[in-house]
Protein backbone atom coordinates (compact mmCIF):
# COMPACT_ATOMS: atom_id res chain seq x y z
CA MET A 1 -31.55 136.43 -70.90
CA ILE A 2 -28.62 138.42 -69.36
CA LYS A 3 -29.17 141.68 -68.11
CA ARG A 4 -26.96 144.85 -69.28
CA GLY A 5 -25.38 145.04 -65.29
CA ASP A 6 -25.04 141.39 -65.28
CA LYS A 7 -22.80 141.51 -68.72
CA MET A 8 -20.61 144.05 -67.17
CA ASN A 9 -19.87 141.88 -64.06
CA PHE A 10 -19.44 138.92 -65.93
CA LYS A 11 -16.75 140.24 -68.21
CA LYS A 12 -14.88 141.80 -65.48
CA TRP A 13 -14.78 138.13 -63.70
CA ILE A 14 -13.45 136.75 -67.15
CA SER A 15 -10.56 139.29 -67.37
CA LEU A 16 -9.68 138.82 -63.48
CA CYS A 17 -9.28 134.91 -64.07
CA CYS A 18 -7.27 135.44 -67.21
CA MET A 19 -4.90 137.51 -65.17
CA ALA A 20 -4.57 135.08 -62.49
CA PHE A 21 -3.67 132.34 -64.89
CA SER A 22 -1.05 134.39 -66.31
CA LEU A 23 0.61 135.35 -63.17
CA THR A 24 0.98 131.76 -62.29
CA LEU A 25 2.45 130.64 -65.33
CA ALA A 26 4.88 133.88 -65.03
CA VAL A 27 6.45 132.90 -61.89
CA PRO A 28 8.37 129.72 -62.73
CA ILE A 29 9.37 131.33 -65.82
CA ALA A 30 10.88 134.12 -64.00
CA ALA A 31 12.60 132.35 -61.57
CA SER A 32 14.19 129.95 -64.21
CA ALA A 33 15.02 133.37 -66.10
CA THR A 34 16.60 135.05 -62.89
CA GLY A 35 18.41 131.66 -62.00
CA THR A 36 16.87 131.69 -58.19
CA PRO A 37 16.94 127.99 -56.75
CA GLU A 38 13.57 126.02 -56.08
CA ALA A 39 12.74 125.67 -52.33
CA GLU A 40 13.60 121.99 -50.89
CA THR A 41 10.56 119.79 -49.81
CA GLU A 42 11.08 118.09 -46.49
CA PRO A 43 10.68 114.15 -46.57
CA ALA A 44 7.49 112.47 -45.42
CA ALA A 45 7.52 110.94 -42.07
CA PRO A 46 8.03 107.10 -42.22
CA VAL A 47 5.11 104.73 -41.77
CA GLN A 48 4.56 102.89 -38.32
CA THR A 49 4.66 99.05 -38.78
CA ASN A 50 4.94 97.82 -35.07
CA GLY A 51 3.60 99.11 -31.47
CA TRP A 52 1.06 101.15 -29.91
CA SER A 53 -0.98 103.62 -32.06
CA GLU A 54 -0.50 107.27 -30.38
CA ASP A 55 -3.79 107.28 -28.90
CA HIS A 56 -2.96 103.92 -27.33
CA THR A 57 -6.23 102.54 -28.80
CA TYR A 58 -4.75 99.58 -31.06
CA TYR A 59 -1.43 97.76 -31.39
CA LEU A 60 0.45 97.36 -34.93
CA GLN A 61 2.10 94.21 -35.63
CA ASP A 62 4.02 94.06 -38.92
CA GLY A 63 1.90 97.05 -39.92
CA LYS A 64 -1.22 95.24 -39.19
CA LYS A 65 -3.64 96.03 -36.49
CA ILE A 66 -3.68 92.78 -33.94
CA THR A 67 -7.06 91.40 -32.66
CA GLY A 68 -7.91 89.06 -29.89
CA VAL A 69 -5.82 88.31 -26.58
CA HIS A 70 -2.03 88.91 -26.65
CA GLN A 71 0.71 89.35 -24.27
CA LEU A 72 2.90 92.34 -25.13
CA SER A 73 6.28 92.86 -24.49
CA ASP A 74 5.52 94.90 -21.35
CA GLY A 75 4.32 91.43 -19.88
CA TYR A 76 0.91 92.29 -19.68
CA TYR A 77 -2.07 90.47 -21.37
CA TYR A 78 -4.69 92.73 -23.65
CA PHE A 79 -7.73 91.84 -25.24
CA PHE A 80 -8.36 93.78 -29.04
CA ASP A 81 -11.68 93.33 -30.47
CA GLY A 82 -12.37 92.42 -33.86
CA SER A 83 -11.71 95.83 -35.48
CA GLY A 84 -8.17 95.70 -33.83
CA THR A 85 -9.49 98.25 -30.70
CA LEU A 86 -8.23 97.74 -27.30
CA LEU A 87 -11.20 96.93 -25.18
CA THR A 88 -11.09 99.69 -22.24
CA GLY A 89 -13.34 101.48 -19.82
CA ARG A 90 -15.08 98.27 -18.38
CA GLN A 91 -14.23 95.65 -16.10
CA GLY A 92 -15.78 92.12 -16.40
CA TYR A 93 -16.04 88.60 -18.09
CA VAL A 94 -15.45 87.94 -21.79
CA ARG A 95 -14.98 85.15 -24.01
CA TYR A 96 -12.60 84.72 -26.85
CA ASN A 97 -11.62 81.70 -28.88
CA LYS A 98 -13.43 79.43 -26.53
CA ALA A 99 -11.69 80.95 -23.42
CA ALA A 100 -12.87 83.37 -20.75
CA TYR A 101 -10.78 86.11 -19.68
CA PHE A 102 -11.15 89.29 -17.26
CA VAL A 103 -10.92 92.69 -18.38
CA LYS A 104 -9.78 95.43 -16.33
CA PRO A 105 -10.73 99.19 -17.15
CA ASP A 106 -7.19 100.02 -18.33
CA GLY A 107 -7.37 97.60 -20.89
CA THR A 108 -5.22 94.86 -19.19
CA LEU A 109 -6.64 90.98 -18.43
CA LEU A 110 -6.47 89.92 -14.86
CA ARG A 111 -3.58 87.37 -14.38
CA ASN A 112 -2.81 85.37 -11.32
CA SER A 113 -5.28 87.22 -9.26
CA TRP A 114 -9.03 87.56 -8.24
CA GLY A 115 -11.25 89.79 -10.05
CA LYS A 116 -14.77 91.01 -9.04
CA ALA A 117 -17.82 92.19 -11.56
CA ASP A 118 -21.40 92.05 -11.06
CA GLY A 119 -21.14 90.56 -7.37
CA ASN A 120 -19.12 87.58 -8.77
CA TYR A 121 -15.60 86.36 -8.15
CA TYR A 122 -13.24 85.14 -10.86
CA TYR A 123 -10.03 84.03 -10.45
CA ALA A 124 -7.39 84.06 -13.57
CA GLY A 125 -4.10 81.96 -13.95
CA ASP A 126 -0.80 82.81 -15.32
CA SER A 127 -2.11 82.56 -19.02
CA ALA A 128 -4.80 84.94 -18.03
CA LYS A 129 -7.45 82.45 -18.61
CA LEU A 130 -10.06 82.42 -16.06
CA HIS A 131 -10.65 78.85 -14.23
CA THR A 132 -13.84 77.71 -15.77
CA ASN A 133 -15.98 74.51 -15.00
CA THR A 134 -12.94 73.04 -12.87
CA ALA A 135 -11.67 73.17 -9.19
CA ALA A 136 -8.48 74.78 -8.65
CA ARG A 137 -6.17 75.11 -5.69
CA ILE A 138 -5.21 78.86 -5.05
CA GLY A 139 -3.46 80.05 -2.01
CA GLY A 140 -3.52 76.53 -0.21
CA LYS A 141 -7.36 76.18 -0.60
CA ILE A 142 -9.49 74.69 -3.18
CA TYR A 143 -12.13 76.60 -4.67
CA CYS A 144 -14.86 75.69 -7.75
CA PHE A 145 -15.88 77.50 -10.81
CA ASN A 146 -18.72 77.08 -12.72
CA THR A 147 -19.02 77.22 -16.62
CA LYS A 148 -19.31 80.87 -16.52
CA SER A 149 -16.06 80.71 -14.57
CA VAL A 150 -17.70 82.17 -11.68
CA LYS A 151 -16.48 81.04 -8.12
CA LEU A 152 -19.08 78.84 -6.62
CA THR A 153 -19.89 79.00 -2.63
CA ASN A 154 -22.22 77.35 -0.08
CA GLY A 155 -23.09 73.45 0.08
CA LEU A 156 -22.67 70.50 -2.37
CA LYS A 157 -21.52 71.39 -5.80
CA LYS A 158 -20.76 68.91 -8.98
CA ILE A 159 -17.98 69.76 -11.03
CA LYS A 160 -17.12 67.46 -13.93
CA GLY A 161 -18.61 64.66 -12.08
CA ASN A 162 -17.04 65.18 -8.80
CA THR A 163 -18.59 66.64 -5.90
CA TYR A 164 -17.39 69.01 -3.49
CA LEU A 165 -18.54 70.86 -0.23
CA LEU A 166 -18.14 74.63 -0.35
CA ALA A 167 -18.17 76.95 2.56
CA ALA A 168 -19.35 80.78 2.19
CA SER A 169 -16.09 81.59 1.39
CA GLY A 170 -15.85 79.29 -1.68
CA ALA A 171 -13.15 77.06 -0.20
CA ALA A 172 -13.74 73.37 -0.45
CA LYS A 173 -14.03 71.48 2.85
CA THR A 174 -11.86 68.52 3.35
CA GLY A 175 -12.00 65.35 5.58
CA ILE A 176 -15.22 64.10 7.45
CA GLN A 177 -17.93 66.81 7.07
CA LEU A 178 -21.46 66.61 8.35
CA TYR A 179 -24.15 68.34 5.96
CA ASN A 180 -27.94 68.01 6.18
CA GLY A 181 -27.66 65.42 8.97
CA LYS A 182 -25.20 62.99 7.13
CA ARG A 183 -21.49 62.60 7.00
CA TYR A 184 -19.31 62.47 3.96
CA PHE A 185 -15.48 62.33 3.38
CA PHE A 186 -13.70 64.67 0.95
CA ASN A 187 -10.38 63.95 -0.08
CA THR A 188 -8.04 65.86 2.08
CA SER A 189 -5.65 66.70 -1.33
CA ASN A 190 -8.21 67.39 -3.89
CA GLY A 191 -11.48 67.93 -2.07
CA ARG A 192 -13.63 65.51 -4.05
CA MET A 193 -16.30 63.64 -2.24
CA MET A 194 -15.17 60.05 -1.77
CA LYS A 195 -18.09 57.31 -2.85
CA ASN A 196 -18.14 53.61 -2.86
CA ARG A 197 -14.68 53.15 -1.17
CA LYS A 198 -13.05 52.05 2.12
CA ILE A 199 -11.26 54.87 3.48
CA LYS A 200 -8.64 55.38 6.60
CA TYR A 201 -8.41 58.51 7.99
CA ASN A 202 -6.71 59.61 11.46
CA GLY A 203 -6.09 56.16 12.05
CA LYS A 204 -9.86 55.12 11.58
CA LEU A 205 -11.56 52.98 8.76
CA PHE A 206 -14.61 54.38 7.08
CA PHE A 207 -16.80 53.20 4.37
CA ALA A 208 -18.47 55.62 1.73
CA THR A 209 -21.57 54.48 0.16
CA THR A 210 -22.22 54.69 -3.71
CA LYS A 211 -24.15 57.78 -2.87
CA GLY A 212 -21.47 59.42 -0.83
CA PRO A 213 -22.71 59.12 2.63
CA LEU A 214 -20.53 57.24 5.04
CA VAL A 215 -21.80 53.91 6.36
CA THR A 216 -23.73 53.74 10.00
CA GLY A 217 -24.64 50.59 11.44
CA TRP A 218 -24.68 47.13 9.20
CA LYS A 219 -23.67 47.70 5.86
CA GLN A 220 -23.15 44.83 3.38
CA VAL A 221 -20.81 45.56 0.35
CA GLY A 222 -20.43 42.89 -2.23
CA ASP A 223 -19.67 39.76 -0.05
CA LYS A 224 -18.26 41.80 2.72
CA THR A 225 -20.34 43.00 5.79
CA TYR A 226 -19.34 45.89 7.85
CA TYR A 227 -20.75 47.81 10.81
CA ALA A 228 -19.85 51.27 11.88
CA ASP A 229 -21.01 53.60 14.90
CA SER A 230 -23.16 56.83 14.46
CA LYS A 231 -19.84 58.68 13.43
CA GLY A 232 -19.24 56.42 10.38
CA ARG A 233 -16.27 54.76 12.21
CA LEU A 234 -16.11 51.04 11.22
CA LYS A 235 -15.67 48.56 13.97
CA THR A 236 -12.48 46.35 14.33
CA GLY A 237 -11.39 43.58 16.32
CA TRP A 238 -13.95 41.95 18.68
CA GLN A 239 -17.48 43.78 19.08
CA THR A 240 -20.68 42.64 20.81
CA TYR A 241 -24.12 43.63 19.36
CA GLN A 242 -27.30 42.65 21.08
CA GLY A 243 -25.60 39.84 22.92
CA LYS A 244 -23.86 38.03 20.17
CA ARG A 245 -20.05 38.40 19.73
CA TYR A 246 -18.56 39.26 16.17
CA TYR A 247 -15.01 39.82 14.96
CA PHE A 248 -13.88 42.33 12.26
CA ASN A 249 -11.02 42.28 10.52
CA GLN A 250 -8.12 44.72 12.46
CA ARG A 251 -7.07 45.70 8.79
CA THR A 252 -10.15 46.00 6.87
CA GLY A 253 -13.15 46.30 8.87
CA ALA A 254 -14.89 43.32 7.08
CA LEU A 255 -16.76 41.11 9.31
CA ARG A 256 -15.40 37.61 9.53
CA SER A 257 -16.89 34.47 8.62
CA GLY A 258 -15.79 30.75 8.62
CA TRP A 259 -12.46 30.01 10.39
CA VAL A 260 -10.43 32.91 11.89
CA ASN A 261 -7.13 32.73 13.80
CA ILE A 262 -7.18 35.66 16.34
CA ASP A 263 -3.92 35.75 18.62
CA GLY A 264 -3.40 32.11 17.86
CA ARG A 265 -6.79 30.81 18.76
CA TYR A 266 -9.63 29.74 15.97
CA TYR A 267 -12.89 30.81 16.22
CA TYR A 268 -15.72 30.00 13.77
CA TYR A 269 -18.11 32.65 12.40
CA THR A 270 -21.42 31.98 10.98
CA PRO A 271 -22.07 33.76 7.40
CA SER A 272 -23.84 36.33 9.49
CA GLY A 273 -20.95 36.78 11.48
CA SER A 274 -21.64 35.70 14.75
CA VAL A 275 -19.15 33.24 16.86
CA LYS A 276 -20.19 29.92 17.13
CA THR A 277 -19.95 28.61 20.82
CA GLY A 278 -20.56 25.27 22.64
CA TRP A 279 -21.08 22.17 20.25
CA PHE A 280 -21.48 22.90 16.47
CA LYS A 281 -20.55 21.10 13.29
CA VAL A 282 -18.72 22.09 10.20
CA GLY A 283 -19.31 19.82 7.45
CA LYS A 284 -18.75 16.08 8.78
CA ASN A 285 -16.50 17.44 11.79
CA THR A 286 -17.62 18.56 15.27
CA TYR A 287 -16.04 21.22 17.21
CA TYR A 288 -16.55 23.13 20.65
CA GLY A 289 -16.18 26.85 21.13
CA THR A 290 -15.48 28.22 24.45
CA PRO A 291 -19.04 29.49 25.55
CA SER A 292 -18.45 32.44 27.62
CA GLY A 293 -15.53 34.91 29.00
CA PRO A 294 -12.76 36.66 27.24
CA LEU A 295 -11.99 33.89 24.97
CA LYS A 296 -15.83 33.27 24.09
CA GLY A 297 -15.99 31.10 20.76
CA ALA A 298 -12.36 29.92 21.02
CA ARG A 299 -12.00 26.29 19.62
CA LEU A 300 -10.76 23.68 22.26
CA ILE A 301 -8.14 21.49 21.59
CA GLU A 302 -6.53 18.44 23.02
CA PHE A 303 -8.26 16.97 26.52
CA GLN A 304 -11.18 19.10 27.90
CA ARG A 305 -13.81 18.57 30.28
CA ILE A 306 -17.20 19.80 29.47
CA GLY A 307 -20.37 19.22 31.14
CA GLY A 308 -18.54 16.54 33.82
CA LYS A 309 -17.09 14.75 30.79
CA ARG A 310 -13.63 14.55 29.10
CA TYR A 311 -13.08 14.86 25.63
CA LEU A 312 -10.52 14.78 23.04
CA PHE A 313 -9.79 17.22 20.08
CA ASN A 314 -7.13 17.08 17.71
CA THR A 315 -4.97 20.69 16.99
CA ARG A 316 -7.58 21.64 14.24
CA GLY A 317 -10.42 21.25 17.30
CA VAL A 318 -11.89 18.14 15.62
CA LEU A 319 -13.71 15.95 18.19
CA LEU A 320 -12.19 12.45 18.18
CA THR A 321 -13.89 9.29 18.43
CA GLY A 322 -12.17 5.99 18.80
CA TRP A 323 -8.85 4.83 19.58
CA GLN A 324 -6.40 7.77 19.53
CA ASN A 325 -2.66 7.89 20.70
CA ARG A 326 -1.50 10.86 23.09
CA ASN A 327 2.01 11.40 24.97
CA GLY A 328 2.65 7.68 24.71
CA HIS A 329 -0.59 6.75 26.14
CA ARG A 330 -3.68 4.94 24.22
CA TYR A 331 -7.02 6.26 24.73
CA TYR A 332 -10.38 5.29 23.45
CA MET A 333 -13.48 7.86 22.69
CA ASP A 334 -17.13 6.68 22.27
CA SER A 335 -19.42 7.78 19.44
CA LYS A 336 -20.02 10.93 21.26
CA GLY A 337 -16.22 11.74 21.70
CA VAL A 338 -16.43 10.85 25.60
CA VAL A 339 -13.07 9.82 26.85
CA THR A 340 -13.60 6.15 28.27
CA THR A 341 -12.86 5.35 31.76
CA GLY A 342 -12.99 2.35 33.65
CA TRP A 343 -13.89 -1.05 31.94
CA ARG A 344 -14.94 -1.32 28.31
CA LYS A 345 -15.68 -3.83 25.89
CA ILE A 346 -14.32 -3.19 22.27
CA LYS A 347 -14.70 -5.84 19.42
CA SER A 348 -14.67 -8.57 22.07
CA GLN A 349 -12.05 -7.75 24.17
CA TRP A 350 -11.91 -5.79 27.41
CA TYR A 351 -9.91 -3.07 28.51
CA PHE A 352 -9.40 -0.87 31.39
CA PHE A 353 -8.90 2.74 31.21
CA GLU A 354 -7.82 4.85 34.08
CA SER A 355 -9.33 8.09 35.23
CA SER A 356 -7.34 10.14 32.79
CA GLY A 357 -8.70 7.91 30.21
CA ALA A 358 -4.99 6.35 29.38
CA MET A 359 -5.48 2.36 28.67
CA LYS A 360 -4.28 0.50 31.51
CA THR A 361 -1.49 -1.92 30.97
CA GLY A 362 0.38 -4.54 32.83
CA TRP A 363 -1.03 -5.50 36.47
CA LEU A 364 -4.35 -3.74 37.64
CA VAL A 365 -5.77 -3.68 40.96
CA HIS A 366 -9.36 -2.62 40.51
CA ASN A 367 -11.81 -3.13 43.74
CA GLY A 368 -9.52 -5.26 45.64
CA ASN A 369 -9.21 -7.96 42.62
CA PHE A 370 -6.04 -8.16 40.22
CA TYR A 371 -5.97 -8.30 36.71
CA TYR A 372 -3.56 -8.33 33.97
CA MET A 373 -3.78 -6.08 30.94
CA ASN A 374 -1.50 -7.32 27.73
CA PRO A 375 1.46 -4.64 27.97
CA LYS A 376 1.18 -4.30 24.29
CA THR A 377 -2.56 -4.28 23.24
CA GLY A 378 -4.00 -3.50 27.16
CA ALA A 379 -6.76 -6.35 26.19
CA MET A 380 -7.63 -8.29 29.42
CA THR A 381 -5.85 -11.22 29.98
CA THR A 382 -7.82 -14.57 30.95
CA GLY A 383 -6.61 -18.15 31.15
CA ARG A 384 -2.95 -19.27 31.91
CA LYS A 385 -0.25 -16.59 31.67
CA THR A 386 3.53 -16.45 32.33
CA ILE A 387 4.34 -12.98 33.72
CA GLY A 388 7.90 -12.18 34.74
CA GLY A 389 8.86 -16.14 34.72
CA GLN A 390 5.68 -17.24 36.98
CA THR A 391 2.64 -18.76 35.62
CA TYR A 392 -0.57 -17.07 36.70
CA THR A 393 -4.29 -18.44 35.91
CA PHE A 394 -6.85 -15.77 35.14
CA ALA A 395 -10.92 -16.43 35.35
CA SER A 396 -12.86 -15.81 32.46
CA SER A 397 -13.71 -12.64 34.31
CA GLY A 398 -9.93 -11.59 34.25
CA ILE A 399 -9.70 -11.95 37.77
CA TYR A 400 -6.63 -13.79 39.00
CA THR A 401 -7.99 -15.56 42.22
CA GLN A 402 -5.06 -17.62 43.56
CA ARG A 403 -3.52 -14.75 45.44
CA THR A 404 -4.64 -12.04 47.72
CA LEU A 405 -3.07 -8.82 48.54
CA SER A 406 -1.02 -9.46 51.82
CA GLY A 407 1.92 -7.94 53.36
CA SER A 408 2.82 -4.14 54.33
CA TRP A 409 2.18 -0.95 52.02
CA VAL A 410 5.18 0.28 50.47
CA VAL A 411 5.32 3.38 48.59
CA LYS A 412 8.21 3.71 46.08
CA VAL A 413 9.35 7.04 44.58
CA ASN A 414 11.13 6.97 41.12
CA ARG A 415 12.86 10.52 41.76
CA ALA A 416 14.43 10.18 37.97
CA ALA A 417 11.06 9.38 36.48
CA ASN A 418 8.95 11.35 38.94
CA VAL A 419 6.50 8.49 39.37
CA ILE A 420 5.28 6.92 42.33
CA THR A 421 4.21 3.12 42.49
CA VAL A 422 2.51 1.77 45.78
CA TYR A 423 3.13 -1.71 46.53
CA LYS A 424 0.93 -4.21 48.90
CA GLY A 425 3.53 -6.53 49.81
CA ASN A 426 5.12 -7.61 46.52
CA ILE A 427 2.48 -6.52 44.26
CA PRO A 428 2.29 -3.26 42.57
CA VAL A 429 -1.12 -1.50 43.24
CA LYS A 430 -1.01 1.90 41.95
CA ALA A 431 1.01 4.34 40.19
CA PHE A 432 1.26 7.94 40.24
CA LEU A 433 2.74 10.83 38.40
CA CYS A 434 4.46 13.45 40.97
CA SER A 435 6.73 16.43 41.10
CA THR A 436 9.96 15.80 42.95
CA GLY A 437 12.30 18.56 44.27
CA MET A 438 13.95 20.62 41.50
CA ASP A 439 17.99 19.96 41.51
CA ASN A 440 17.05 16.71 42.99
CA ALA A 441 16.19 18.52 46.26
CA THR A 442 14.35 15.57 47.31
CA PRO A 443 16.53 13.13 49.19
CA LEU A 444 17.26 9.52 48.21
CA GLY A 445 16.84 6.72 50.92
CA THR A 446 14.33 5.09 52.90
CA PHE A 447 11.75 6.69 55.05
CA SER A 448 8.44 6.28 56.98
CA ILE A 449 4.97 7.99 56.64
CA ARG A 450 4.96 9.97 59.97
CA ASP A 451 1.57 11.41 60.04
CA LYS A 452 -1.46 12.52 58.24
CA LEU A 453 -2.70 16.27 57.80
CA TRP A 454 -5.97 16.99 56.03
CA ARG A 455 -4.36 20.47 55.32
CA HIS A 456 -1.16 21.85 56.16
CA GLU A 457 0.62 25.23 55.57
CA LEU A 458 3.40 25.11 53.36
CA ASN A 459 6.33 27.47 52.19
CA GLY A 460 5.21 30.77 50.71
CA PRO A 461 2.63 30.55 52.47
CA THR A 462 0.69 27.88 50.39
CA TRP A 463 -1.44 25.36 51.32
CA GLY A 464 -1.49 21.56 50.37
CA TYR A 465 -4.30 18.74 51.16
CA PHE A 466 -3.82 15.31 52.33
CA CYS A 467 -0.26 15.76 53.51
CA SER A 468 2.15 13.16 55.48
CA HIS A 469 5.48 14.12 56.48
CA ILE A 470 8.61 11.47 55.47
CA THR A 471 11.10 13.91 57.15
CA ASP A 472 10.73 17.22 59.27
CA ASP A 473 10.80 19.37 55.98
CA ILE A 474 9.65 16.76 53.22
CA LEU A 475 6.05 15.63 53.01
CA PHE A 476 3.64 14.26 50.16
CA HIS A 477 0.93 16.85 49.53
CA SER A 478 -1.43 17.97 46.84
CA ILE A 479 -0.46 20.72 44.42
CA PRO A 480 0.15 24.09 46.68
CA ALA A 481 -2.50 26.77 46.27
CA PRO A 482 -2.20 30.17 47.11
CA THR A 483 -5.35 29.96 49.56
CA THR A 484 -7.21 27.43 51.15
CA GLU A 485 -9.64 27.44 48.56
CA ARG A 486 -9.87 24.25 46.78
CA THR A 487 -10.81 26.40 43.50
CA ALA A 488 -7.42 28.03 43.92
CA VAL A 489 -5.23 25.31 42.35
CA PRO A 490 -2.53 26.96 40.02
CA SER A 491 -3.09 25.02 36.56
CA TYR A 492 0.45 25.66 35.40
CA LYS A 493 1.90 23.69 38.87
CA PHE A 494 -0.61 20.97 38.05
CA ASN A 495 0.47 20.62 34.43
CA MET A 496 4.19 20.33 35.77
CA LEU A 497 3.30 16.88 37.41
CA GLY A 498 5.61 14.17 35.87
CA GLN A 499 8.82 16.56 36.34
CA GLN A 500 10.77 18.28 39.22
CA ALA A 501 8.96 21.30 40.20
CA SER A 502 9.02 21.73 43.97
CA GLN A 503 11.57 22.80 46.68
CA GLY A 504 11.81 19.22 47.88
CA CYS A 505 8.55 17.95 48.78
CA ILE A 506 6.73 15.37 46.84
CA ARG A 507 3.55 16.92 44.82
CA LEU A 508 0.75 14.86 43.69
CA ALA A 509 -2.71 15.35 42.08
CA MET A 510 -5.43 16.12 44.58
CA GLY A 511 -7.28 12.68 44.19
CA ASP A 512 -4.04 10.63 44.11
CA ALA A 513 -2.82 12.48 47.44
CA LYS A 514 -6.01 11.67 48.75
CA TRP A 515 -5.90 7.98 47.91
CA LEU A 516 -2.36 7.83 49.45
CA TYR A 517 -4.00 9.53 52.62
CA ASP A 518 -6.91 7.12 52.90
CA THR A 519 -5.09 4.00 51.85
CA VAL A 520 -1.38 3.90 53.19
CA PRO A 521 -1.21 3.92 57.10
CA VAL A 522 1.36 5.81 59.33
CA GLY A 523 4.55 3.80 59.48
CA SER A 524 4.50 2.77 56.04
CA THR A 525 7.72 2.54 54.46
CA VAL A 526 8.85 5.26 51.60
CA VAL A 527 11.52 4.63 49.48
CA VAL A 528 13.06 7.39 47.29
CA TYR A 529 15.50 6.11 44.52
CA ASP A 530 16.65 6.89 40.85
CA ASP A 531 16.08 5.07 37.67
CA ALA A 532 15.21 7.11 34.49
CA SER A 533 15.17 4.04 32.44
CA TYR A 534 12.23 2.30 33.99
CA PRO A 535 9.34 4.08 35.83
CA GLY A 536 7.88 1.10 37.64
CA PRO A 537 6.31 -2.39 37.14
CA LEU A 538 2.87 -0.26 36.31
CA GLY A 539 4.54 1.94 33.70
CA ARG A 540 4.21 5.73 33.65
CA PRO A 541 0.73 7.24 34.25
CA ALA A 542 -0.94 9.21 31.80
CA ASN A 543 -0.07 13.03 32.16
CA PHE A 544 -3.26 14.88 31.28
CA LYS A 545 -3.33 18.58 31.45
CA MET A 546 -5.54 21.06 33.42
CA ASN A 547 -7.05 23.95 31.14
CA GLU A 548 -4.73 26.99 31.63
CA ASP A 549 -7.52 29.48 31.51
CA PRO A 550 -8.64 30.28 34.16
CA VAL A 551 -5.17 30.03 35.87
CA TYR A 552 -6.58 29.16 39.03
CA TYR A 553 -9.33 26.40 39.51
CA TYR A 554 -10.26 23.03 40.80
CA ASP A 555 -7.48 20.31 40.50
CA PRO A 556 -9.31 18.10 37.69
CA THR A 557 -8.56 15.22 40.03
CA ASP A 558 -10.26 16.90 43.28
CA PRO A 559 -13.04 14.20 44.38
CA ILE A 560 -14.96 17.41 45.66
CA ALA A 561 -15.36 18.65 42.15
CA TYR A 562 -15.15 15.54 40.08
CA PRO A 563 -16.19 12.49 42.49
CA SER A 564 -15.91 9.96 39.46
CA TYR A 565 -12.17 10.33 39.71
CA SER A 566 -12.15 8.71 43.28
CA THR A 567 -14.45 6.14 42.28
CA SER A 568 -12.85 5.32 39.10
CA LYS A 569 -9.86 4.71 41.62
C-alpha cells in the first residue's frame, strides 16, 4: 500500500517524465519549422586489414590475425601463438609445425646466429629453424645438435648413425685422434668417424676397424692381412718381424702372398706372408730363394752355385733337370738339378762336360788321354773314325792310344773371337775364353812367354794372378782386382770374358790362368791372330756368368775357393 507522501512523489516523477518526452519531440519539429540545417556527422575510420596492431601484439593479413612462424616485410621472422598473439617477453626454444625455433624477448626469432637459454646453446639457420639432430658446419667448424636442438660437447656422440668426437667447445675434431687410449680417424671434411675402411692421411695408410679404432699389430680383413705400428700406420714394403721377412703392398699395405715382383725380382710368400728362402717347392716345381742379405728371398735364375754345386734355373726360377741348351752350349742336369761336370753316361752313351757344365765336342784331352766327342751329339767316339781326312781308332773306353802328345806347346789367341786354344805339337789340348784389348789394343803377331809371375801389379793399380809377359806391356793374367784379396774379383769384369775388355793384356778366368801358368813353360810360342768365323778346333768354350751380387767375390774358377774346377781340368 502506497502512503500519502509516497503518492505525492510518484505523481511528481510522472510529470517530469512527460515533460522531458515532450521536449524531445519538440526540438526536431522546431528546427524544421525554423529552417535550421542539421549538424553533419563525421564518417567512421576505415577498418585495418594488413599490418601490425596498434599495440604491436598481433599482425593482420587480409584482415585476419596470422599464427605460427612468418617472415615479415622487415626481414625478421616472428612467432605468433594460436590466438595470433606475438610471443614476446621470453627467450628460448619453441616448436612449431615439426620444426624448432629460438624466440628472443622482442618477439623476433634467432637467425644465422647462436642463441643461449637455460645454459644450452642453439643455432638457427637462414630460415630461422634450429639445427636439430644433425651435424652442421658453422664458421668453418663442425658442430652437432641433438633432437632438442641443443649443441653437444665433449666426447664421442652419435648423430643419425654417424659418430663424432667433440671438444669442450662442441667443435668436432678431425683427422687422427686419441680417445680413451685408442686412435680413431675422423673425416677431415665432415667430422665423421671412419669405420671398416682403409684411409690415406698425410701420406700414410691406416685401417679403421668396424667399430672405429685404427688397426695396430696384425689384422686380417677379409682375405687381406695388414700390419700397423702402435700409432696405426700400416706398414708397406719390406718389413722384418720376429726374424721373418715380409712384404706389404706399397699402394694398399696388404701383405703379399704367392709370387710377388719387387723391383724386377720375384719372391714367393706363404699364405702367412713370410718370404720363402732356400729350396722350396710350389706345385711340382722347385725354386731357390736367396737365403740372406738385402735380396733375401729373391728367386734365383740361370746358373747359380749353391752349397758348392752348380744349378740351372729357367727365367721363371724353375730348377731344370735333364738336357738343356744355353748360350750355344748343351748342359745336363741330374735328377736333383745339379749341373753335370766330367764324365757322365746317359742312355748308354758317354759324354764329357767341362767344369762350366758345357758338353764337350771335338777333341778332348783328359788326364793325358785323347778322346773324340761327336761334334753334333757330344757322344764319345769308339772304334774307327775319320776326322779331318785322317782315320783314327779309339778303344771301347774312348781313348785314342795310337798317338801320344809330343812337340812344343803353342798358345794361339784368336783376338776376333776372344778364344785361346793351347796346342801340344799339332794337337789342340785346351780352349779358354779370354778378353783381349778394347779397340784391338792387343797386338797381332808371334811372341813368346817371357816369365811367370804368381801375382803382379797392373794398371790402376789393380792386381792379377798367374801372369806371363809376352811383351813389355802385354801379358796373360787373371781378372784384375782392386786389391790383392782373392775375394775382390769384380763380377762385371769376369762376365765380360769372351769380348774385348782390357787395355791390351789378355785376361782369363783364374782357373784357366793357373792352368796356363802351371802347364805351358817359359819360352813357349804365342800367336795372336784374327778369325771371327772360326774360334778354333775345340770350339768356343761355355761362357758362364758370375753372380753380380755381391759385386766382388771369388772368381768362380779360383781353385782356392772351388778345388773341383782345377781337378776337372
